[in-house]
Structures are given as C-alpha cells and as structure tokens.
Amino acid sequence: MEETLKLILDKLNSMDKSINGIQKDVGGLKEDVGGLKEDVGGLKEDVGGLKEDVKGLKRDVIRIENEHGAKLDSLMDGYQMLYEGQEEIKKTLDNHEVKLLKVK
C-alpha cells in the first residue's frame, strides 16, 4: 500500500510540475498577446494617419489639376490667337503679292 501511495505521490508531483510549466507558458502567452494588442493599436493609429495623408494628397492633386487645367486652357487660347493672327497676316501678304504682280 505504501508503495502505491508513493507512486501516486510521484505522479501527483510530476503532474504538479507539468501544471506549473503550463501556467508559465500561459503567462508568457498573455504577455505576448498584450504586446500584440499594443502593436495593433499602434498600427491602427498609423493607418489613421496614412488615411489622412491620402485625403490631403487627393485634395492637392485635385487643386493642381484644376490650376493646371486653367493654365493649359489659357495657353491653348493663346496659341489659337497666334494662329488666327498668322492666318490674317498670310492673307494680307497674299493680297499684297497679287497687287505687286498686277503692278509689274
């Protein structure tokens, strides 16, 4: 009987050690999860900041597109005016050329 009790006691001691090891592992896991939660919180803040940056960039791109669009329209209007002016000059030169040919 004593021998059986000793075996039971040894088994209980072994189980106790195993339970202590498991408890330490669970404690370590809890710490790791806590660290992960902090990291996720930091990532959420970073993503929030990135979203704000993207919104700002979108506003800037729209503003630049509008400003440059207006400038390009003005530039094209200027080219159109130059073209029309050159056409008038060509017509005038053609008329003078015809008059000069008649005079000769």
Foldseek 3Di string as FASTA:
>chain_A
DVVVVVVVVVVVVVVVVVVVVVVVVVVVVVVVVVVVVVVVVVVVVVVVVVVVVVVVVVVVVVVVCVVVVVVVVVVVVVVVVVVVVVVVVVVVVVVVVVVVVVVD
